[in-house]
PDB file of all heavy atoms in Angstrom:
ATOM      1  N   PHE A   1     -42.941 -32.114 -23.669  1.00  0.00           N
ATOM      2  CA  PHE A   1     -44.248 -32.581 -24.110  1.00  0.00           C
ATOM      3  C   PHE A   1     -44.060 -33.953 -24.755  1.00  0.00           C
ATOM      4  O   PHE A   1     -42.944 -34.328 -25.122  1.00  0.00           O
ATOM      5  CB  PHE A   1     -44.860 -31.613 -25.129  1.00  0.00           C
ATOM      6  CG  PHE A   1     -45.203 -30.272 -24.554  1.00  0.00           C
ATOM      7  CD1 PHE A   1     -44.220 -29.322 -24.308  1.00  0.00           C
ATOM      8  CD2 PHE A   1     -46.515 -29.948 -24.253  1.00  0.00           C
ATOM      9  CE1 PHE A   1     -44.539 -28.083 -23.758  1.00  0.00           C
ATOM     10  CE2 PHE A   1     -46.854 -28.716 -23.714  1.00  0.00           C
ATOM     11  CZ  PHE A   1     -45.856 -27.783 -23.465  1.00  0.00           C
ATOM     12  N   ARG A   2     -45.145 -34.675 -24.904  1.00  0.00           N
ATOM     13  CA  ARG A   2     -45.065 -35.961 -25.584  1.00  0.00           C
ATOM     14  C   ARG A   2     -46.296 -36.170 -26.447  1.00  0.00           C
ATOM     15  O   ARG A   2     -47.358 -35.599 -26.191  1.00  0.00           O
ATOM     16  CB  ARG A   2     -44.916 -37.103 -24.581  1.00  0.00           C
ATOM     17  CG  ARG A   2     -46.125 -37.323 -23.680  1.00  0.00           C
ATOM     18  CD  ARG A   2     -45.809 -38.384 -22.628  1.00  0.00           C
ATOM     19  NE  ARG A   2     -46.963 -38.657 -21.767  1.00  0.00           N
ATOM     20  CZ  ARG A   2     -46.914 -39.456 -20.712  1.00  0.00           C
ATOM     21  NH1 ARG A   2     -45.783 -40.074 -20.368  1.00  0.00           N
ATOM     22  NH2 ARG A   2     -48.015 -39.659 -19.994  1.00  0.00           N
ATOM     23  N   GLN A   3     -46.108 -36.965 -27.470  1.00  0.00           N
ATOM     24  CA  GLN A   3     -47.222 -37.259 -28.374  1.00  0.00           C
ATOM     25  C   GLN A   3     -47.164 -38.726 -28.778  1.00  0.00           C
ATOM     26  O   GLN A   3     -46.168 -39.182 -29.373  1.00  0.00           O
ATOM     27  CB  GLN A   3     -47.167 -36.365 -29.609  1.00  0.00           C
ATOM     28  CG  GLN A   3     -48.382 -36.492 -30.493  1.00  0.00           C
ATOM     29  CD  GLN A   3     -48.465 -35.382 -31.519  1.00  0.00           C
ATOM     30  OE1 GLN A   3     -47.487 -34.721 -31.838  1.00  0.00           O
ATOM     31  NE2 GLN A   3     -49.664 -35.147 -32.042  1.00  0.00           N
ATOM     32  N   ALA A   4     -48.206 -39.447 -28.431  1.00  0.00           N
ATOM     33  CA  ALA A   4     -48.341 -40.849 -28.809  1.00  0.00           C
ATOM     34  C   ALA A   4     -49.092 -40.921 -30.133  1.00  0.00           C
ATOM     35  O   ALA A   4     -49.835 -39.998 -30.489  1.00  0.00           O
ATOM     36  CB  ALA A   4     -49.084 -41.611 -27.721  1.00  0.00           C
ATOM     37  N   PRO A   5     -48.934 -42.005 -30.877  1.00  0.00           N
ATOM     38  CA  PRO A   5     -49.617 -42.138 -32.167  1.00  0.00           C
ATOM     39  C   PRO A   5     -51.122 -41.964 -32.036  1.00  0.00           C
ATOM     40  O   PRO A   5     -51.756 -42.563 -31.170  1.00  0.00           O
ATOM     41  CB  PRO A   5     -49.253 -43.572 -32.596  1.00  0.00           C
ATOM     42  CG  PRO A   5     -47.979 -43.855 -31.919  1.00  0.00           C
ATOM     43  CD  PRO A   5     -48.051 -43.152 -30.601  1.00  0.00           C
ATOM     44  N   GLY A   6     -51.677 -41.109 -32.874  1.00  0.00           N
ATOM     45  CA  GLY A   6     -53.115 -40.899 -32.881  1.00  0.00           C
ATOM     46  C   GLY A   6     -53.638 -40.037 -31.755  1.00  0.00           C
ATOM     47  O   GLY A   6     -54.858 -39.868 -31.622  1.00  0.00           O
ATOM     48  N   GLN A   7     -52.740 -39.489 -30.951  1.00  0.00           N
ATOM     49  CA  GLN A   7     -53.165 -38.665 -29.819  1.00  0.00           C
ATOM     50  C   GLN A   7     -52.602 -37.253 -29.942  1.00  0.00           C
ATOM     51  O   GLN A   7     -51.662 -37.004 -30.687  1.00  0.00           O
ATOM     52  CB  GLN A   7     -52.707 -39.300 -28.502  1.00  0.00           C
ATOM     53  CG  GLN A   7     -53.307 -40.672 -28.250  1.00  0.00           C
ATOM     54  CD  GLN A   7     -52.987 -41.196 -26.866  1.00  0.00           C
ATOM     55  OE1 GLN A   7     -52.656 -40.439 -25.961  1.00  0.00           O
ATOM     56  NE2 GLN A   7     -53.107 -42.499 -26.699  1.00  0.00           N
ATOM     57  N   GLU A   8     -53.206 -36.327 -29.194  1.00  0.00           N
ATOM     58  CA  GLU A   8     -52.728 -34.953 -29.182  1.00  0.00           C
ATOM     59  C   GLU A   8     -51.468 -34.829 -28.336  1.00  0.00           C
ATOM     60  O   GLU A   8     -51.197 -35.659 -27.473  1.00  0.00           O
ATOM     61  CB  GLU A   8     -53.822 -34.032 -28.642  1.00  0.00           C
ATOM     62  CG  GLU A   8     -55.048 -33.947 -29.527  1.00  0.00           C
ATOM     63  CD  GLU A   8     -56.052 -32.921 -29.033  1.00  0.00           C
ATOM     64  OE1 GLU A   8     -55.852 -32.379 -27.935  1.00  0.00           O
ATOM     65  OE2 GLU A   8     -57.027 -32.673 -29.750  1.00  0.00           O
ATOM     66  N   ARG A   9     -50.718 -33.774 -28.616  1.00  0.00           N
ATOM     67  CA  ARG A   9     -49.531 -33.519 -27.825  1.00  0.00           C
ATOM     68  C   ARG A   9     -49.931 -33.210 -26.382  1.00  0.00           C
ATOM     69  O   ARG A   9     -50.885 -32.470 -26.141  1.00  0.00           O
ATOM     70  CB  ARG A   9     -48.744 -32.348 -28.419  1.00  0.00           C
ATOM     71  CG  ARG A   9     -47.387 -32.141 -27.806  1.00  0.00           C
ATOM     72  CD  ARG A   9     -46.566 -31.179 -28.641  1.00  0.00           C
ATOM     73  NE  ARG A   9     -46.250 -31.750 -29.952  1.00  0.00           N
ATOM     74  CZ  ARG A   9     -45.468 -31.138 -30.844  1.00  0.00           C
ATOM     75  NH1 ARG A   9     -44.949 -29.950 -30.572  1.00  0.00           N
ATOM     76  NH2 ARG A   9     -45.212 -31.694 -32.011  1.00  0.00           N
ATOM     77  N   GLU A  10     -49.192 -33.770 -25.440  1.00  0.00           N
ATOM     78  CA  GLU A  10     -49.539 -33.700 -24.023  1.00  0.00           C
ATOM     79  C   GLU A  10     -48.390 -33.095 -23.229  1.00  0.00           C
ATOM     80  O   GLU A  10     -47.228 -33.451 -23.435  1.00  0.00           O
ATOM     81  CB  GLU A  10     -49.823 -35.126 -23.516  1.00  0.00           C
ATOM     82  CG  GLU A  10     -50.031 -35.268 -22.027  1.00  0.00           C
ATOM     83  CD  GLU A  10     -50.052 -36.707 -21.558  1.00  0.00           C
ATOM     84  OE1 GLU A  10     -49.552 -37.579 -22.300  1.00  0.00           O
ATOM     85  OE2 GLU A  10     -50.553 -36.970 -20.461  1.00  0.00           O
ATOM     86  N   PHE A  11     -48.734 -32.205 -22.305  1.00  0.00           N
ATOM     87  CA  PHE A  11     -47.724 -31.628 -21.422  1.00  0.00           C
ATOM     88  C   PHE A  11     -47.196 -32.672 -20.452  1.00  0.00           C
ATOM     89  O   PHE A  11     -47.969 -33.472 -19.909  1.00  0.00           O
ATOM     90  CB  PHE A  11     -48.328 -30.459 -20.639  1.00  0.00           C
ATOM     91  CG  PHE A  11     -47.462 -29.968 -19.521  1.00  0.00           C
ATOM     92  CD1 PHE A  11     -46.359 -29.176 -19.783  1.00  0.00           C
ATOM     93  CD2 PHE A  11     -47.738 -30.298 -18.205  1.00  0.00           C
ATOM     94  CE1 PHE A  11     -45.548 -28.723 -18.754  1.00  0.00           C
ATOM     95  CE2 PHE A  11     -46.945 -29.854 -17.165  1.00  0.00           C
ATOM     96  CZ  PHE A  11     -45.844 -29.072 -17.441  1.00  0.00           C
ATOM     97  N   VAL A  12     -45.874 -32.650 -20.223  1.00  0.00           N
ATOM     98  CA  VAL A  12     -45.257 -33.585 -19.286  1.00  0.00           C
ATOM     99  C   VAL A  12     -44.660 -32.842 -18.086  1.00  0.00           C
ATOM    100  O   VAL A  12     -44.979 -33.133 -16.938  1.00  0.00           O
ATOM    101  CB  VAL A  12     -44.161 -34.412 -19.973  1.00  0.00           C
ATOM    102  CG1 VAL A  12     -43.465 -35.322 -18.967  1.00  0.00           C
ATOM    103  CG2 VAL A  12     -44.740 -35.230 -21.123  1.00  0.00           C
ATOM    104  N   ALA A  13     -43.776 -31.881 -18.359  1.00  0.00           N
ATOM    105  CA  ALA A  13     -43.106 -31.165 -17.272  1.00  0.00           C
ATOM    106  C   ALA A  13     -42.520 -29.871 -17.812  1.00  0.00           C
ATOM    107  O   ALA A  13     -42.303 -29.734 -19.018  1.00  0.00           O
ATOM    108  CB  ALA A  13     -41.995 -32.020 -16.656  1.00  0.00           C
ATOM    109  N   ALA A  14     -42.264 -28.931 -16.900  1.00  0.00           N
ATOM    110  CA  ALA A  14     -41.662 -27.662 -17.307  1.00  0.00           C
ATOM    111  C   ALA A  14     -40.842 -27.093 -16.168  1.00  0.00           C
ATOM    112  O   ALA A  14     -41.094 -27.404 -14.990  1.00  0.00           O
ATOM    113  CB  ALA A  14     -42.732 -26.666 -17.739  1.00  0.00           C
ATOM    114  N   ILE A  15     -39.877 -26.250 -16.530  1.00  0.00           N
ATOM    115  CA  ILE A  15     -39.002 -25.655 -15.529  1.00  0.00           C
ATOM    116  C   ILE A  15     -38.720 -24.215 -15.919  1.00  0.00           C
ATOM    117  O   ILE A  15     -38.573 -23.886 -17.107  1.00  0.00           O
ATOM    118  CB  ILE A  15     -37.697 -26.478 -15.404  1.00  0.00           C
ATOM    119  CG1 ILE A  15     -36.861 -26.024 -14.209  1.00  0.00           C
ATOM    120  CG2 ILE A  15     -36.895 -26.444 -16.700  1.00  0.00           C
ATOM    121  CD1 ILE A  15     -35.753 -27.028 -13.857  1.00  0.00           C
ATOM    122  N   SER A  16     -38.675 -23.348 -14.916  1.00  0.00           N
ATOM    123  CA  SER A  16     -38.415 -21.936 -15.173  1.00  0.00           C
ATOM    124  C   SER A  16     -36.955 -21.708 -15.521  1.00  0.00           C
ATOM    125  O   SER A  16     -36.097 -22.588 -15.325  1.00  0.00           O
ATOM    126  CB  SER A  16     -38.796 -21.109 -13.946  1.00  0.00           C
ATOM    127  OG  SER A  16     -37.997 -21.502 -12.840  1.00  0.00           O
ATOM    128  N   ARG A  17     -36.643 -20.529 -16.012  1.00  0.00           N
ATOM    129  CA  ARG A  17     -35.277 -20.235 -16.448  1.00  0.00           C
ATOM    130  C   ARG A  17     -34.274 -20.331 -15.302  1.00  0.00           C
ATOM    131  O   ARG A  17     -33.123 -20.697 -15.518  1.00  0.00           O
ATOM    132  CB  ARG A  17     -35.204 -18.861 -17.110  1.00  0.00           C
ATOM    133  CG  ARG A  17     -35.727 -17.710 -16.289  1.00  0.00           C
ATOM    134  CD  ARG A  17     -35.582 -16.387 -17.028  1.00  0.00           C
ATOM    135  NE  ARG A  17     -34.278 -15.783 -16.786  1.00  0.00           N
ATOM    136  CZ  ARG A  17     -33.888 -14.624 -17.286  1.00  0.00           C
ATOM    137  NH1 ARG A  17     -34.699 -13.944 -18.091  1.00  0.00           N
ATOM    138  NH2 ARG A  17     -32.696 -14.132 -17.028  1.00  0.00           N
ATOM    139  N   SER A  18     -34.709 -20.030 -14.101  1.00  0.00           N
ATOM    140  CA  SER A  18     -33.810 -20.131 -12.950  1.00  0.00           C
ATOM    141  C   SER A  18     -33.756 -21.539 -12.369  1.00  0.00           C
ATOM    142  O   SER A  18     -32.867 -21.861 -11.583  1.00  0.00           O
ATOM    143  CB  SER A  18     -34.260 -19.162 -11.855  1.00  0.00           C
ATOM    144  OG  SER A  18     -35.480 -19.607 -11.284  1.00  0.00           O
ATOM    145  N   GLY A  19     -34.728 -22.361 -12.729  1.00  0.00           N
ATOM    146  CA  GLY A  19     -34.818 -23.698 -12.163  1.00  0.00           C
ATOM    147  C   GLY A  19     -35.607 -23.748 -10.866  1.00  0.00           C
ATOM    148  O   GLY A  19     -35.842 -24.819 -10.318  1.00  0.00           O
ATOM    149  N   GLY A  20     -36.038 -22.594 -10.386  1.00  0.00           N
ATOM    150  CA  GLY A  20     -36.716 -22.557  -9.104  1.00  0.00           C
ATOM    151  C   GLY A  20     -38.185 -22.920  -9.150  1.00  0.00           C
ATOM    152  O   GLY A  20     -38.791 -23.192  -8.111  1.00  0.00           O
ATOM    153  N   ASN A  21     -38.774 -22.932 -10.315  1.00  0.00           N
ATOM    154  CA  ASN A  21     -40.194 -23.249 -10.469  1.00  0.00           C
ATOM    155  C   ASN A  21     -40.320 -24.444 -11.412  1.00  0.00           C
ATOM    156  O   ASN A  21     -39.911 -24.375 -12.572  1.00  0.00           O
ATOM    157  CB  ASN A  21     -40.943 -22.037 -11.037  1.00  0.00           C
ATOM    158  CG  ASN A  21     -42.447 -22.207 -10.973  1.00  0.00           C
ATOM    159  OD1 ASN A  21     -42.954 -23.322 -10.836  1.00  0.00           O
ATOM    160  ND2 ASN A  21     -43.170 -21.116 -11.078  1.00  0.00           N
ATOM    161  N   ARG A  22     -40.881 -25.537 -10.906  1.00  0.00           N
ATOM    162  CA  ARG A  22     -41.019 -26.762 -11.695  1.00  0.00           C
ATOM    163  C   ARG A  22     -42.459 -27.239 -11.628  1.00  0.00           C
ATOM    164  O   ARG A  22     -43.094 -27.188 -10.576  1.00  0.00           O
ATOM    165  CB  ARG A  22     -40.077 -27.857 -11.178  1.00  0.00           C
ATOM    166  CG  ARG A  22     -38.648 -27.405 -11.021  1.00  0.00           C
ATOM    167  CD  ARG A  22     -37.743 -28.478 -10.484  1.00  0.00           C
ATOM    168  NE  ARG A  22     -36.464 -27.919 -10.065  1.00  0.00           N
ATOM    169  CZ  ARG A  22     -35.367 -28.637  -9.885  1.00  0.00           C
ATOM    170  NH1 ARG A  22     -35.393 -29.945 -10.097  1.00  0.00           N
ATOM    171  NH2 ARG A  22     -34.253 -28.058  -9.499  1.00  0.00           N
ATOM    172  N   ILE A  23     -42.941 -27.704 -12.756  1.00  0.00           N
ATOM    173  CA  ILE A  23     -44.302 -28.242 -12.852  1.00  0.00           C
ATOM    174  C   ILE A  23     -44.223 -29.602 -13.510  1.00  0.00           C
ATOM    175  O   ILE A  23     -43.496 -29.790 -14.484  1.00  0.00           O
ATOM    176  CB  ILE A  23     -45.206 -27.321 -13.694  1.00  0.00           C
ATOM    177  CG1 ILE A  23     -45.181 -25.883 -13.162  1.00  0.00           C
ATOM    178  CG2 ILE A  23     -46.634 -27.846 -13.705  1.00  0.00           C
ATOM    179  CD1 ILE A  23     -45.877 -24.895 -14.068  1.00  0.00           C
ATOM    180  N   VAL A  24     -44.971 -30.558 -12.958  1.00  0.00           N
ATOM    181  CA  VAL A  24     -45.019 -31.906 -13.512  1.00  0.00           C
ATOM    182  C   VAL A  24     -46.482 -32.307 -13.648  1.00  0.00           C
ATOM    183  O   VAL A  24     -47.277 -32.047 -12.741  1.00  0.00           O
ATOM    184  CB  VAL A  24     -44.267 -32.901 -12.609  1.00  0.00           C
ATOM    185  CG1 VAL A  24     -44.334 -34.301 -13.183  1.00  0.00           C
ATOM    186  CG2 VAL A  24     -42.818 -32.484 -12.450  1.00  0.00           C
ATOM    187  N   SER A  25     -46.846 -32.919 -14.745  1.00  0.00           N
ATOM    188  CA  SER A  25     -48.234 -33.311 -14.942  1.00  0.00           C
ATOM    189  C   SER A  25     -48.623 -34.401 -13.954  1.00  0.00           C
ATOM    190  O   SER A  25     -47.779 -35.163 -13.463  1.00  0.00           O
ATOM    191  CB  SER A  25     -48.456 -33.802 -16.373  1.00  0.00           C
ATOM    192  OG  SER A  25     -47.838 -35.062 -16.558  1.00  0.00           O
ATOM    193  N   ASP A  26     -49.904 -34.486 -13.676  1.00  0.00           N
ATOM    194  CA  ASP A  26     -50.387 -35.497 -12.735  1.00  0.00           C
ATOM    195  C   ASP A  26     -50.089 -36.914 -13.214  1.00  0.00           C
ATOM    196  O   ASP A  26     -49.871 -37.812 -12.403  1.00  0.00           O
ATOM    197  CB  ASP A  26     -51.892 -35.335 -12.530  1.00  0.00           C
ATOM    198  CG  ASP A  26     -52.242 -34.089 -11.732  1.00  0.00           C
ATOM    199  OD1 ASP A  26     -51.337 -33.539 -11.052  1.00  0.00           O
ATOM    200  OD2 ASP A  26     -53.409 -33.671 -11.786  1.00  0.00           O
ATOM    201  N   SER A  27     -50.059 -37.111 -14.522  1.00  0.00           N
ATOM    202  CA  SER A  27     -49.859 -38.459 -15.056  1.00  0.00           C
ATOM    203  C   SER A  27     -48.444 -38.989 -14.816  1.00  0.00           C
ATOM    204  O   SER A  27     -48.225 -40.206 -14.876  1.00  0.00           O
ATOM    205  CB  SER A  27     -50.162 -38.480 -16.554  1.00  0.00           C
ATOM    206  OG  SER A  27     -49.273 -37.631 -17.261  1.00  0.00           O
ATOM    207  N   VAL A  28     -47.495 -38.114 -14.533  1.00  0.00           N
ATOM    208  CA  VAL A  28     -46.113 -38.564 -14.316  1.00  0.00           C
ATOM    209  C   VAL A  28     -45.572 -38.145 -12.951  1.00  0.00           C
ATOM    210  O   VAL A  28     -44.414 -38.433 -12.626  1.00  0.00           O
ATOM    211  CB  VAL A  28     -45.173 -38.048 -15.426  1.00  0.00           C
ATOM    212  CG1 VAL A  28     -45.688 -38.471 -16.795  1.00  0.00           C
ATOM    213  CG2 VAL A  28     -45.014 -36.538 -15.347  1.00  0.00           C
ATOM    214  N   LYS A  29     -46.406 -37.495 -12.164  1.00  0.00           N
ATOM    215  CA  LYS A  29     -45.952 -37.010 -10.853  1.00  0.00           C
ATOM    216  C   LYS A  29     -45.479 -38.166  -9.989  1.00  0.00           C
ATOM    217  O   LYS A  29     -46.116 -39.219  -9.929  1.00  0.00           O
ATOM    218  CB  LYS A  29     -47.091 -36.263 -10.169  1.00  0.00           C
ATOM    219  CG  LYS A  29     -46.674 -35.465  -8.945  1.00  0.00           C
ATOM    220  CD  LYS A  29     -47.788 -34.520  -8.522  1.00  0.00           C
ATOM    221  CE  LYS A  29     -48.019 -33.439  -9.550  1.00  0.00           C
ATOM    222  NZ  LYS A  29     -49.060 -32.470  -9.135  1.00  0.00           N
ATOM    223  N   GLY A  30     -44.335 -37.972  -9.360  1.00  0.00           N
ATOM    224  CA  GLY A  30     -43.760 -39.011  -8.517  1.00  0.00           C
ATOM    225  C   GLY A  30     -42.867 -39.974  -9.282  1.00  0.00           C
ATOM    226  O   GLY A  30     -42.169 -40.791  -8.666  1.00  0.00           O
ATOM    227  N   ARG A  31     -42.890 -39.887 -10.611  1.00  0.00           N
ATOM    228  CA  ARG A  31     -42.060 -40.785 -11.436  1.00  0.00           C
ATOM    229  C   ARG A  31     -41.048 -40.015 -12.280  1.00  0.00           C
ATOM    230  O   ARG A  31     -39.934 -40.500 -12.505  1.00  0.00           O
ATOM    231  CB  ARG A  31     -42.944 -41.628 -12.361  1.00  0.00           C
ATOM    232  CG  ARG A  31     -43.941 -42.497 -11.625  1.00  0.00           C
ATOM    233  CD  ARG A  31     -44.671 -43.437 -12.573  1.00  0.00           C
ATOM    234  NE  ARG A  31     -45.477 -42.721 -13.567  1.00  0.00           N
ATOM    235  CZ  ARG A  31     -45.316 -42.846 -14.879  1.00  0.00           C
ATOM    236  NH1 ARG A  31     -44.381 -43.632 -15.366  1.00  0.00           N
ATOM    237  NH2 ARG A  31     -46.094 -42.178 -15.713  1.00  0.00           N
ATOM    238  N   PHE A  32     -41.423 -38.839 -12.755  1.00  0.00           N
ATOM    239  CA  PHE A  32     -40.548 -38.036 -13.615  1.00  0.00           C
ATOM    240  C   PHE A  32     -40.056 -36.819 -12.846  1.00  0.00           C
ATOM    241  O   PHE A  32     -40.796 -36.213 -12.070  1.00  0.00           O
ATOM    242  CB  PHE A  32     -41.299 -37.554 -14.851  1.00  0.00           C
ATOM    243  CG  PHE A  32     -41.653 -38.617 -15.852  1.00  0.00           C
ATOM    244  CD1 PHE A  32     -41.572 -39.967 -15.553  1.00  0.00           C
ATOM    245  CD2 PHE A  32     -42.108 -38.250 -17.112  1.00  0.00           C
ATOM    246  CE1 PHE A  32     -41.919 -40.926 -16.478  1.00  0.00           C
ATOM    247  CE2 PHE A  32     -42.452 -39.202 -18.054  1.00  0.00           C
ATOM    248  CZ  PHE A  32     -42.366 -40.550 -17.740  1.00  0.00           C
ATOM    249  N   THR A  33     -38.806 -36.443 -13.114  1.00  0.00           N
ATOM    250  CA  THR A  33     -38.205 -35.263 -12.487  1.00  0.00           C
ATOM    251  C   THR A  33     -37.530 -34.418 -13.550  1.00  0.00           C
ATOM    252  O   THR A  33     -36.746 -34.941 -14.351  1.00  0.00           O
ATOM    253  CB  THR A  33     -37.168 -35.677 -11.426  1.00  0.00           C
ATOM    254  OG1 THR A  33     -37.774 -36.532 -10.463  1.00  0.00           O
ATOM    255  CG2 THR A  33     -36.596 -34.447 -10.735  1.00  0.00           C
ATOM    256  N   ILE A  34     -37.806 -33.122 -13.535  1.00  0.00           N
ATOM    257  CA  ILE A  34     -37.168 -32.215 -14.478  1.00  0.00           C
ATOM    258  C   ILE A  34     -36.121 -31.388 -13.752  1.00  0.00           C
ATOM    259  O   ILE A  34     -36.326 -30.983 -12.599  1.00  0.00           O
ATOM    260  CB  ILE A  34     -38.216 -31.307 -15.175  1.00  0.00           C
ATOM    261  CG1 ILE A  34     -37.575 -30.509 -16.307  1.00  0.00           C
ATOM    262  CG2 ILE A  34     -38.928 -30.395 -14.175  1.00  0.00           C
ATOM    263  CD1 ILE A  34     -38.592 -29.798 -17.197  1.00  0.00           C
ATOM    264  N   SER A  35     -34.997 -31.161 -14.428  1.00  0.00           N
ATOM    265  CA  SER A  35     -33.925 -30.364 -13.839  1.00  0.00           C
ATOM    266  C   SER A  35     -33.176 -29.654 -14.957  1.00  0.00           C
ATOM    267  O   SER A  35     -33.360 -29.973 -16.135  1.00  0.00           O
ATOM    268  CB  SER A  35     -32.968 -31.251 -13.042  1.00  0.00           C
ATOM    269  OG  SER A  35     -32.338 -32.197 -13.895  1.00  0.00           O
ATOM    270  N   ARG A  36     -32.339 -28.701 -14.600  1.00  0.00           N
ATOM    271  CA  ARG A  36     -31.561 -28.008 -15.626  1.00  0.00           C
ATOM    272  C   ARG A  36     -30.179 -27.650 -15.101  1.00  0.00           C
ATOM    273  O   ARG A  36     -29.971 -27.498 -13.882  1.00  0.00           O
ATOM    274  CB  ARG A  36     -32.281 -26.752 -16.111  1.00  0.00           C
ATOM    275  CG  ARG A  36     -32.374 -25.601 -15.158  1.00  0.00           C
ATOM    276  CD  ARG A  36     -33.257 -24.487 -15.743  1.00  0.00           C
ATOM    277  NE  ARG A  36     -32.718 -23.982 -17.008  1.00  0.00           N
ATOM    278  CZ  ARG A  36     -33.461 -23.345 -17.914  1.00  0.00           C
ATOM    279  NH1 ARG A  36     -34.755 -23.133 -17.707  1.00  0.00           N
ATOM    280  NH2 ARG A  36     -32.908 -22.898 -19.035  1.00  0.00           N
ATOM    281  N   ASP A  37     -29.249 -27.524 -16.037  1.00  0.00           N
ATOM    282  CA  ASP A  37     -27.894 -27.094 -15.739  1.00  0.00           C
ATOM    283  C   ASP A  37     -27.577 -25.981 -16.727  1.00  0.00           C
ATOM    284  O   ASP A  37     -27.215 -26.233 -17.881  1.00  0.00           O
ATOM    285  CB  ASP A  37     -26.916 -28.265 -15.900  1.00  0.00           C
ATOM    286  CG  ASP A  37     -25.496 -27.896 -15.495  1.00  0.00           C
ATOM    287  OD1 ASP A  37     -25.163 -26.696 -15.476  1.00  0.00           O
ATOM    288  OD2 ASP A  37     -24.715 -28.805 -15.227  1.00  0.00           O
ATOM    289  N   ASN A  38     -27.742 -24.751 -16.299  1.00  0.00           N
ATOM    290  CA  ASN A  38     -27.566 -23.621 -17.215  1.00  0.00           C
ATOM    291  C   ASN A  38     -26.112 -23.451 -17.647  1.00  0.00           C
ATOM    292  O   ASN A  38     -25.842 -22.899 -18.713  1.00  0.00           O
ATOM    293  CB  ASN A  38     -28.090 -22.343 -16.582  1.00  0.00           C
ATOM    294  CG  ASN A  38     -29.605 -22.251 -16.642  1.00  0.00           C
ATOM    295  OD1 ASN A  38     -30.257 -22.935 -17.440  1.00  0.00           O
ATOM    296  ND2 ASN A  38     -30.195 -21.428 -15.788  1.00  0.00           N
ATOM    297  N   ALA A  39     -25.184 -23.934 -16.854  1.00  0.00           N
ATOM    298  CA  ALA A  39     -23.774 -23.866 -17.255  1.00  0.00           C
ATOM    299  C   ALA A  39     -23.509 -24.752 -18.462  1.00  0.00           C
ATOM    300  O   ALA A  39     -22.609 -24.475 -19.263  1.00  0.00           O
ATOM    301  CB  ALA A  39     -22.882 -24.272 -16.085  1.00  0.00           C
ATOM    302  N   LYS A  40     -24.292 -25.825 -18.576  1.00  0.00           N
ATOM    303  CA  LYS A  40     -24.134 -26.755 -19.695  1.00  0.00           C
ATOM    304  C   LYS A  40     -25.221 -26.583 -20.754  1.00  0.00           C
ATOM    305  O   LYS A  40     -25.257 -27.330 -21.735  1.00  0.00           O
ATOM    306  CB  LYS A  40     -24.138 -28.194 -19.182  1.00  0.00           C
ATOM    307  CG  LYS A  40     -22.976 -28.525 -18.261  1.00  0.00           C
ATOM    308  CD  LYS A  40     -23.036 -29.980 -17.818  1.00  0.00           C
ATOM    309  CE  LYS A  40     -21.845 -30.321 -16.911  1.00  0.00           C
ATOM    310  NZ  LYS A  40     -21.904 -31.741 -16.443  1.00  0.00           N
ATOM    311  N   ASN A  41     -26.118 -25.618 -20.521  1.00  0.00           N
ATOM    312  CA  ASN A  41     -27.214 -25.363 -21.464  1.00  0.00           C
ATOM    313  C   ASN A  41     -28.046 -26.614 -21.731  1.00  0.00           C
ATOM    314  O   ASN A  41     -28.369 -26.940 -22.883  1.00  0.00           O
ATOM    315  CB  ASN A  41     -26.687 -24.807 -22.786  1.00  0.00           C
ATOM    316  CG  ASN A  41     -26.110 -23.418 -22.625  1.00  0.00           C
ATOM    317  OD1 ASN A  41     -26.657 -22.586 -21.905  1.00  0.00           O
ATOM    318  ND2 ASN A  41     -24.983 -23.161 -23.277  1.00  0.00           N
TER     319      ASN A  41
END
């Protein structure tokens, strides 16, 4: 999530525990990528 000064907290991206389900907000789609490495936590 992100929060700019004077603004509400905004969702950016999320990933499931397995990494198989990823969601990215429309405002960052195509620019931001979320990933995880469970071996490295």
